[in-house]
Amino acid sequence: MDFDFSEDQQALRDAVRKWVDKAYDFESRRKAVTAGGFSRDTWNQLAELGLTGLAVPEAQGGMGLGPIDAMVVLEEAGRGMVLEPLVQAIISGVVLSSYAPEAVQGAWLPKVASGEALIVLAYQERKARYDLTKVDAKATQAGGAWTVTGQKGVVPAADQADAFIVPAVADGKVALFLVERSAQGVATTGYVTQDGSRAGDLTLNGATATLITADGAAALQHAVDVGIAGVSAQAVGAMDKFMALTADYLNQRKQFGVALSTFQGLRFRMAEMKMALELGRSMSYYGTLKLTQSADDRKTALARTKVQIGNSARFLGQNAVQLHGGIGITDEYVGSHYFKYLTQIEMNFGDSMYNLGVVSANMKDFVSVAE
């Protein structure tokens, strides 16, 4: 079996890496954070590269690529700590093309692919604690039109997005709706998050909505699974780059007249970090491949992926900061920003403890020690 990336995937990786190196260096990113954590100009550049349309079918103007292609792109985005919510474009492409009526697909998917419309998943609620079954937002129908009332928190680029994918309870079960930010009854409050990206809170007060699917629970779980695969790939890219930065530092920094990289204890530490990185990478591959499996298998696999990514990111990030010494926590040094970036990924789409609970709850086969 061939596990190598195809020539097209390698070319895609090279193209994104070149863009990151040329147009998204550390100083450019710092300016973007100062400006509010989201740049429509950068978003348009990603669209020109075709990246906002990765998961949009070709018939709707997108690239029609699969999970592995998206993983390749997001690893490179993670290496550059790209602030713009590229994972959200992939989520919206998957959800709309998989669940939305044809009319909704035709109205929105070409805009997603072109970068004209940024659609983000707005699902987190204060009381839910990552539990997708706990939804307080309500949807009502009158005269054939839907309205949604509720509050969603930590929504990516909330005050910059053009529309939201919103879960709400309708007729006693969770359904999924599309709500435009310009609709009456929609209010957003934006802020910069820990890693410098932009998010916000969304308040819906009888906001006009379009039904995506009445089977919202399945669609929402699919969206979150896609999100986990996406941020896991970003984490792998970020860990890979942080690892390289740490190795360079140890090769250059001297103590007692010799490079730090010559000390056996520090070399052992780097070896352990490399193992953590490769464990995370292998689980990112595993989770990405499982996106095409049945819903139950996919959910458990992505929860496993998120647990390992969280563990790897925490171990590698903490040790990289320690190996850098004092400079590792300064805002002027890029390494501290990788640490914050990885820390925030740990909290996205359920932290390690929550996903460990998902894995535990879905364990079906047990082997007795006595056997």
Protein backbone atom coordinates (compact mmCIF):
# COMPACT_ATOMS: atom_id res chain seq x y z
CA MET A 1 0.00 0.00 0.00
CA ASP A 2 1.36 3.44 -0.98
CA PHE A 3 1.25 5.96 1.86
CA ASP A 4 3.16 8.67 -0.01
CA PHE A 5 1.46 11.90 -0.97
CA SER A 6 0.63 12.29 -4.66
CA GLU A 7 2.47 14.72 -6.91
CA ASP A 8 -0.56 17.02 -6.88
CA GLN A 9 -0.65 16.99 -3.09
CA GLN A 10 3.08 17.75 -2.91
CA ALA A 11 2.59 20.63 -5.34
CA LEU A 12 -0.31 21.91 -3.24
CA ARG A 13 1.86 21.76 -0.11
CA ASP A 14 4.69 23.61 -1.84
CA ALA A 15 2.36 26.33 -3.10
CA VAL A 16 0.91 27.00 0.35
CA ARG A 17 4.32 26.90 2.01
CA LYS A 18 5.68 29.43 -0.48
CA TRP A 19 2.74 31.73 0.19
CA VAL A 20 3.21 31.46 3.95
CA ASP A 21 6.95 32.15 3.71
CA LYS A 22 6.50 35.07 1.35
CA ALA A 23 3.26 36.75 2.44
CA TYR A 24 2.74 35.63 6.02
CA ASP A 25 5.97 35.97 7.93
CA PHE A 26 6.04 36.64 11.68
CA GLU A 27 6.04 40.43 11.38
CA SER A 28 3.08 40.35 8.99
CA ARG A 29 1.23 38.17 11.45
CA ARG A 30 1.98 40.52 14.35
CA LYS A 31 0.56 43.42 12.35
CA ALA A 32 -2.56 41.37 11.65
CA VAL A 33 -3.00 40.66 15.37
CA THR A 34 -2.63 44.37 16.17
CA ALA A 35 -5.22 45.17 13.50
CA GLY A 36 -7.76 42.85 15.12
CA GLY A 37 -6.82 39.27 14.26
CA PHE A 38 -8.55 38.99 10.87
CA SER A 39 -7.71 40.47 7.49
CA ARG A 40 -10.17 40.38 4.61
CA ASP A 41 -7.23 41.05 2.28
CA THR A 42 -5.48 37.90 3.51
CA TRP A 43 -8.74 35.99 3.20
CA ASN A 44 -8.96 37.09 -0.42
CA GLN A 45 -5.40 35.92 -1.03
CA LEU A 46 -6.33 32.49 0.34
CA ALA A 47 -9.34 32.52 -1.98
CA GLU A 48 -7.14 33.38 -4.98
CA LEU A 49 -5.07 30.31 -4.17
CA GLY A 50 -8.30 28.29 -4.23
CA LEU A 51 -8.01 27.35 -0.57
CA THR A 52 -11.41 28.64 0.56
CA GLY A 53 -12.98 26.29 -1.99
CA LEU A 54 -11.06 23.15 -1.07
CA ALA A 55 -14.17 21.29 0.10
CA VAL A 56 -16.60 22.92 -2.35
CA PRO A 57 -17.58 20.68 -5.28
CA GLU A 58 -16.24 21.65 -8.68
CA ALA A 59 -19.80 22.09 -9.95
CA GLN A 60 -20.18 24.92 -7.45
CA GLY A 61 -16.91 26.62 -8.35
CA GLY A 62 -14.64 24.91 -5.83
CA MET A 63 -11.68 22.55 -6.06
CA GLY A 64 -13.65 19.49 -4.96
CA LEU A 65 -10.70 18.04 -3.06
CA GLY A 66 -10.80 15.51 -0.25
CA PRO A 67 -9.75 15.32 3.42
CA ILE A 68 -6.11 14.46 2.71
CA ASP A 69 -5.68 17.49 0.47
CA ALA A 70 -7.23 19.68 3.17
CA MET A 71 -4.86 18.18 5.75
CA VAL A 72 -1.84 19.00 3.56
CA VAL A 73 -2.97 22.63 3.23
CA LEU A 74 -3.79 23.05 6.92
CA GLU A 75 -0.44 21.67 8.05
CA GLU A 76 1.24 24.45 6.13
CA ALA A 77 -1.21 27.01 7.50
CA GLY A 78 -0.30 25.75 10.96
CA ARG A 79 3.40 26.22 10.27
CA GLY A 80 2.67 29.89 9.65
CA MET A 81 0.06 30.19 12.43
CA VAL A 82 -2.36 31.66 9.88
CA LEU A 83 -5.03 33.60 11.78
CA GLU A 84 -7.78 33.50 9.18
CA PRO A 85 -10.30 30.66 9.84
CA LEU A 86 -9.50 28.40 6.91
CA VAL A 87 -10.84 25.40 8.82
CA GLN A 88 -14.24 27.13 8.87
CA ALA A 89 -14.29 27.38 5.08
CA ILE A 90 -13.72 23.62 4.90
CA ILE A 91 -16.45 22.96 7.48
CA SER A 92 -18.97 25.12 5.64
CA GLY A 93 -18.07 23.49 2.33
CA VAL A 94 -18.59 20.00 3.75
CA VAL A 95 -21.78 20.80 5.66
CA LEU A 96 -23.53 22.70 2.89
CA SER A 97 -22.57 20.28 0.12
CA SER A 98 -23.54 17.26 2.26
CA TYR A 99 -26.75 18.42 3.95
CA ALA A 100 -28.18 21.62 2.50
CA PRO A 101 -30.95 21.73 -0.14
CA GLU A 102 -29.82 22.40 -3.70
CA ALA A 103 -31.13 25.97 -3.61
CA VAL A 104 -29.03 26.78 -0.54
CA GLN A 105 -25.99 25.12 -2.06
CA GLY A 106 -26.37 27.11 -5.25
CA ALA A 107 -26.78 30.37 -3.36
CA TRP A 108 -23.83 29.99 -1.00
CA LEU A 109 -21.23 27.45 -2.11
CA PRO A 110 -19.92 29.50 -5.07
CA LYS A 111 -19.51 32.44 -2.67
CA VAL A 112 -17.60 30.24 -0.21
CA ALA A 113 -15.32 29.02 -2.99
CA SER A 114 -14.58 32.53 -4.27
CA GLY A 115 -13.97 33.90 -0.78
CA GLU A 116 -16.88 36.31 -1.17
CA ALA A 117 -18.68 34.69 1.76
CA LEU A 118 -17.08 33.61 5.02
CA ILE A 119 -19.44 31.16 6.72
CA VAL A 120 -18.50 29.93 10.20
CA LEU A 121 -19.86 27.33 12.59
CA ALA A 122 -21.51 28.97 15.62
CA TYR A 123 -22.33 26.13 17.98
CA GLN A 124 -20.74 26.70 21.39
CA GLU A 125 -23.02 27.67 24.27
CA ARG A 126 -22.04 28.63 27.79
CA LYS A 127 -23.69 25.66 29.53
CA ALA A 128 -22.81 23.00 26.97
CA ARG A 129 -19.16 22.34 27.93
CA TYR A 130 -18.51 20.87 24.45
CA ASP A 131 -21.55 18.56 24.66
CA LEU A 132 -23.25 18.80 21.25
CA THR A 133 -26.56 17.50 22.62
CA LYS A 134 -26.97 20.51 24.93
CA VAL A 135 -28.50 23.21 22.75
CA ASP A 136 -30.56 26.03 24.28
CA ALA A 137 -31.06 28.02 21.08
CA LYS A 138 -34.63 27.70 19.77
CA ALA A 139 -36.00 27.81 16.24
CA THR A 140 -39.60 28.51 15.36
CA GLN A 141 -41.49 28.41 12.07
CA ALA A 142 -44.32 30.70 11.06
CA GLY A 143 -45.76 31.13 7.59
CA GLY A 144 -43.05 28.93 6.11
CA ALA A 145 -40.22 31.10 7.50
CA TRP A 146 -37.80 30.16 10.26
CA THR A 147 -36.44 32.37 13.03
CA VAL A 148 -33.78 31.50 15.63
CA THR A 149 -33.28 32.86 19.14
CA GLY A 150 -30.24 32.07 21.28
CA GLN A 151 -26.64 32.89 22.10
CA LYS A 152 -23.42 31.33 20.82
CA GLY A 153 -19.94 32.00 22.17
CA VAL A 154 -16.36 32.05 20.88
CA VAL A 155 -17.53 32.08 17.26
CA PRO A 156 -14.57 32.39 14.85
CA ALA A 157 -14.41 35.86 13.26
CA ALA A 158 -17.98 36.44 14.45
CA ASP A 159 -18.15 40.14 13.63
CA GLN A 160 -16.41 39.61 10.26
CA ALA A 161 -18.28 36.55 9.00
CA ASP A 162 -20.99 36.85 6.38
CA ALA A 163 -23.15 34.01 7.69
CA PHE A 164 -23.31 31.39 10.43
CA ILE A 165 -24.15 27.70 10.60
CA VAL A 166 -26.24 27.53 13.76
CA PRO A 167 -27.69 24.51 15.60
CA ALA A 168 -31.05 25.18 17.29
CA VAL A 169 -33.86 23.06 18.68
CA ALA A 170 -36.85 22.84 16.34
CA ASP A 171 -39.86 20.63 17.06
CA GLY A 172 -38.02 18.94 19.89
CA LYS A 173 -34.78 18.04 18.13
CA VAL A 174 -31.63 19.77 16.94
CA ALA A 175 -31.74 21.20 13.44
CA LEU A 176 -29.09 23.16 11.55
CA PHE A 177 -29.73 26.64 10.15
CA LEU A 178 -27.91 29.23 8.09
CA VAL A 179 -28.18 32.76 9.48
CA GLU A 180 -26.82 35.81 7.67
CA ARG A 181 -24.97 38.34 9.80
CA SER A 182 -26.87 41.14 8.09
CA ALA A 183 -30.25 39.65 9.07
CA GLN A 184 -32.50 41.50 11.47
CA GLY A 185 -32.12 40.26 15.03
CA VAL A 186 -28.42 39.38 14.69
CA ALA A 187 -25.85 41.03 16.95
CA THR A 188 -22.14 40.23 17.30
CA THR A 189 -19.39 41.29 19.68
CA GLY A 190 -15.84 40.74 18.48
CA TYR A 191 -12.58 40.26 20.38
CA VAL A 192 -9.05 38.95 19.93
CA THR A 193 -8.34 35.52 21.39
CA GLN A 194 -5.28 34.17 23.17
CA ASP A 195 -3.44 33.19 19.99
CA GLY A 196 -4.20 36.49 18.24
CA SER A 197 -7.05 35.29 16.04
CA ARG A 198 -10.45 36.95 16.03
CA ALA A 199 -13.61 35.52 17.56
CA GLY A 200 -16.79 36.87 19.10
CA ASP A 201 -20.16 36.22 20.65
CA LEU A 202 -23.32 35.87 18.59
CA THR A 203 -26.76 36.89 19.83
CA LEU A 204 -29.83 35.89 17.84
CA ASN A 205 -33.17 37.46 18.71
CA GLY A 206 -35.78 36.13 16.32
CA ALA A 207 -33.21 36.21 13.53
CA THR A 208 -34.36 35.11 10.09
CA ALA A 209 -32.84 31.71 9.26
CA THR A 210 -32.70 29.18 6.44
CA LEU A 211 -33.06 25.50 7.29
CA ILE A 212 -30.04 23.46 6.25
CA THR A 213 -31.21 20.13 7.63
CA ALA A 214 -33.70 18.89 10.21
CA ASP A 215 -31.21 16.15 11.14
CA GLY A 216 -28.99 18.69 12.83
CA ALA A 217 -27.39 16.36 15.37
CA ALA A 218 -25.72 14.22 12.71
CA ALA A 219 -24.70 17.23 10.62
CA LEU A 220 -23.29 19.05 13.66
CA GLN A 221 -21.23 16.03 14.70
CA HIS A 222 -19.90 15.77 11.16
CA ALA A 223 -18.96 19.45 11.21
CA VAL A 224 -17.11 19.07 14.52
CA ASP A 225 -15.29 15.96 13.28
CA VAL A 226 -14.12 17.88 10.21
CA GLY A 227 -13.05 20.70 12.53
CA ILE A 228 -11.04 18.34 14.74
CA ALA A 229 -9.23 16.93 11.72
CA GLY A 230 -8.52 20.46 10.54
CA VAL A 231 -7.09 21.87 13.76
CA SER A 232 -5.13 18.64 14.30
CA ALA A 233 -3.39 19.18 10.97
CA GLN A 234 -2.68 22.79 11.94
CA ALA A 235 -1.24 21.62 15.25
CA VAL A 236 1.08 19.18 13.47
CA GLY A 237 2.38 21.98 11.25
CA ALA A 238 2.88 24.27 14.23
CA MET A 239 4.64 21.57 16.28
CA ASP A 240 6.90 20.73 13.36
CA LYS A 241 7.95 24.37 13.02
CA PHE A 242 8.35 24.88 16.79
CA MET A 243 10.51 21.76 16.92
CA ALA A 244 12.73 23.12 14.15
CA LEU A 245 13.02 26.50 15.92
CA THR A 246 14.08 24.75 19.12
CA ALA A 247 16.71 22.66 17.33
CA ASP A 248 18.15 25.78 15.69
CA TYR A 249 18.28 27.55 19.05
CA LEU A 250 20.12 24.67 20.71
CA ASN A 251 22.62 24.56 17.85
CA GLN A 252 23.35 28.28 18.11
CA ARG A 253 23.16 28.97 21.87
CA LYS A 254 26.35 28.19 23.79
CA GLN A 255 27.02 27.33 27.41
CA PHE A 256 30.52 26.78 28.78
CA GLY A 257 31.82 27.48 25.29
CA VAL A 258 29.90 24.70 23.53
CA ALA A 259 26.54 24.53 21.80
CA LEU A 260 23.60 23.44 23.97
CA SER A 261 22.85 20.73 21.42
CA THR A 262 25.95 18.85 22.57
CA PHE A 263 24.50 18.18 26.05
CA GLN A 264 23.18 14.64 26.22
CA GLY A 265 20.29 15.47 28.53
CA LEU A 266 18.98 18.11 26.11
CA ARG A 267 19.40 15.75 23.17
CA PHE A 268 17.28 13.17 25.01
CA ARG A 269 14.65 15.84 25.60
CA MET A 270 14.57 16.69 21.90
CA ALA A 271 14.21 13.00 21.07
CA GLU A 272 11.17 12.78 23.34
CA MET A 273 9.69 15.87 21.70
CA LYS A 274 10.22 14.30 18.28
CA MET A 275 8.37 11.19 19.42
CA ALA A 276 5.46 13.35 20.62
CA LEU A 277 5.39 15.15 17.28
CA GLU A 278 5.32 11.93 15.27
CA LEU A 279 2.59 10.46 17.49
CA GLY A 280 0.54 13.57 16.82
CA ARG A 281 1.26 13.42 13.09
CA SER A 282 0.26 9.76 12.82
CA MET A 283 -2.99 10.41 14.68
CA SER A 284 -3.73 13.39 12.45
CA TYR A 285 -3.35 11.09 9.43
CA TYR A 286 -5.53 8.48 11.14
CA GLY A 287 -8.29 10.96 11.93
CA THR A 288 -8.22 12.43 8.44
CA LEU A 289 -8.57 9.00 6.83
CA LYS A 290 -11.48 8.18 9.15
CA LEU A 291 -13.50 11.20 7.93
CA THR A 292 -14.91 9.03 5.16
CA GLN A 293 -16.04 6.23 7.52
CA SER A 294 -19.41 5.69 9.23
CA ALA A 295 -20.60 8.36 11.66
CA ASP A 296 -19.90 6.30 14.82
CA ASP A 297 -16.43 5.21 13.71
CA ARG A 298 -15.61 8.74 12.59
CA LYS A 299 -16.67 10.32 15.88
CA THR A 300 -14.60 7.95 18.02
CA ALA A 301 -11.58 8.17 15.73
CA LEU A 302 -11.56 11.96 15.75
CA ALA A 303 -11.94 12.02 19.53
CA ARG A 304 -8.87 9.77 19.77
CA THR A 305 -7.05 12.08 17.41
CA LYS A 306 -7.86 15.15 19.50
CA VAL A 307 -6.67 13.47 22.70
CA GLN A 308 -3.27 12.65 21.22
CA ILE A 309 -2.92 16.03 19.53
CA GLY A 310 -3.61 17.72 22.86
CA ASN A 311 -1.10 15.56 24.68
CA SER A 312 1.58 15.98 22.01
CA ALA A 313 1.09 19.73 21.73
CA ARG A 314 1.26 20.20 25.49
CA PHE A 315 4.40 18.09 25.90
CA LEU A 316 6.25 19.53 22.92
CA GLY A 317 5.19 23.11 23.61
CA GLN A 318 6.13 23.10 27.29
CA ASN A 319 9.49 21.47 26.66
CA ALA A 320 10.30 23.76 23.75
CA VAL A 321 9.64 26.80 25.92
CA GLN A 322 11.79 25.36 28.71
CA LEU A 323 14.67 24.57 26.35
CA HIS A 324 14.60 28.15 25.09
CA GLY A 325 14.92 29.53 28.60
CA GLY A 326 13.66 33.04 29.33
CA ILE A 327 13.34 34.06 25.69
CA GLY A 328 10.78 31.30 25.18
CA ILE A 329 8.05 33.27 26.95
CA THR A 330 8.73 36.73 25.51
CA ASP A 331 6.21 38.26 23.14
CA GLU A 332 8.99 39.40 20.82
CA TYR A 333 10.06 35.82 20.09
CA VAL A 334 8.04 33.72 17.64
CA GLY A 335 8.29 30.62 19.83
CA SER A 336 5.95 31.98 22.49
CA HIS A 337 3.31 32.54 19.82
CA TYR A 338 3.54 28.92 18.69
CA PHE A 339 2.97 27.91 22.30
CA LYS A 340 -0.16 30.07 22.51
CA TYR A 341 -1.35 28.82 19.13
CA LEU A 342 -1.03 25.19 20.25
CA THR A 343 -2.65 25.94 23.60
CA GLN A 344 -5.71 27.41 21.90
CA ILE A 345 -6.00 24.44 19.53
CA GLU A 346 -6.23 22.24 22.62
CA MET A 347 -9.47 24.06 23.51
CA ASN A 348 -11.04 23.98 20.04
CA PHE A 349 -13.76 21.37 19.34
CA GLY A 350 -13.43 19.87 22.80
CA ASP A 351 -10.32 19.70 24.96
CA SER A 352 -8.35 16.53 25.66
CA MET A 353 -10.31 15.61 28.79
CA TYR A 354 -13.67 15.95 27.05
CA ASN A 355 -12.56 13.88 24.07
CA LEU A 356 -11.03 11.28 26.37
CA GLY A 357 -14.53 10.93 27.82
CA VAL A 358 -15.93 10.44 24.31
CA VAL A 359 -13.36 7.73 23.62
CA SER A 360 -14.14 6.02 26.92
CA ALA A 361 -17.90 6.16 26.35
CA ASN A 362 -17.51 4.55 22.93
CA MET A 363 -15.23 1.69 23.93
CA LYS A 364 -16.94 -1.53 22.86
CA ASP A 365 -14.31 -4.23 23.15
CA PHE A 366 -12.60 -5.08 26.41
CA VAL A 367 -9.85 -7.56 27.12
CA SER A 368 -9.66 -8.89 30.64
CA VAL A 369 -6.25 -8.90 32.29
CA ALA A 370 -7.08 -12.36 33.67
CA GLU A 371 -7.39 -13.71 30.15
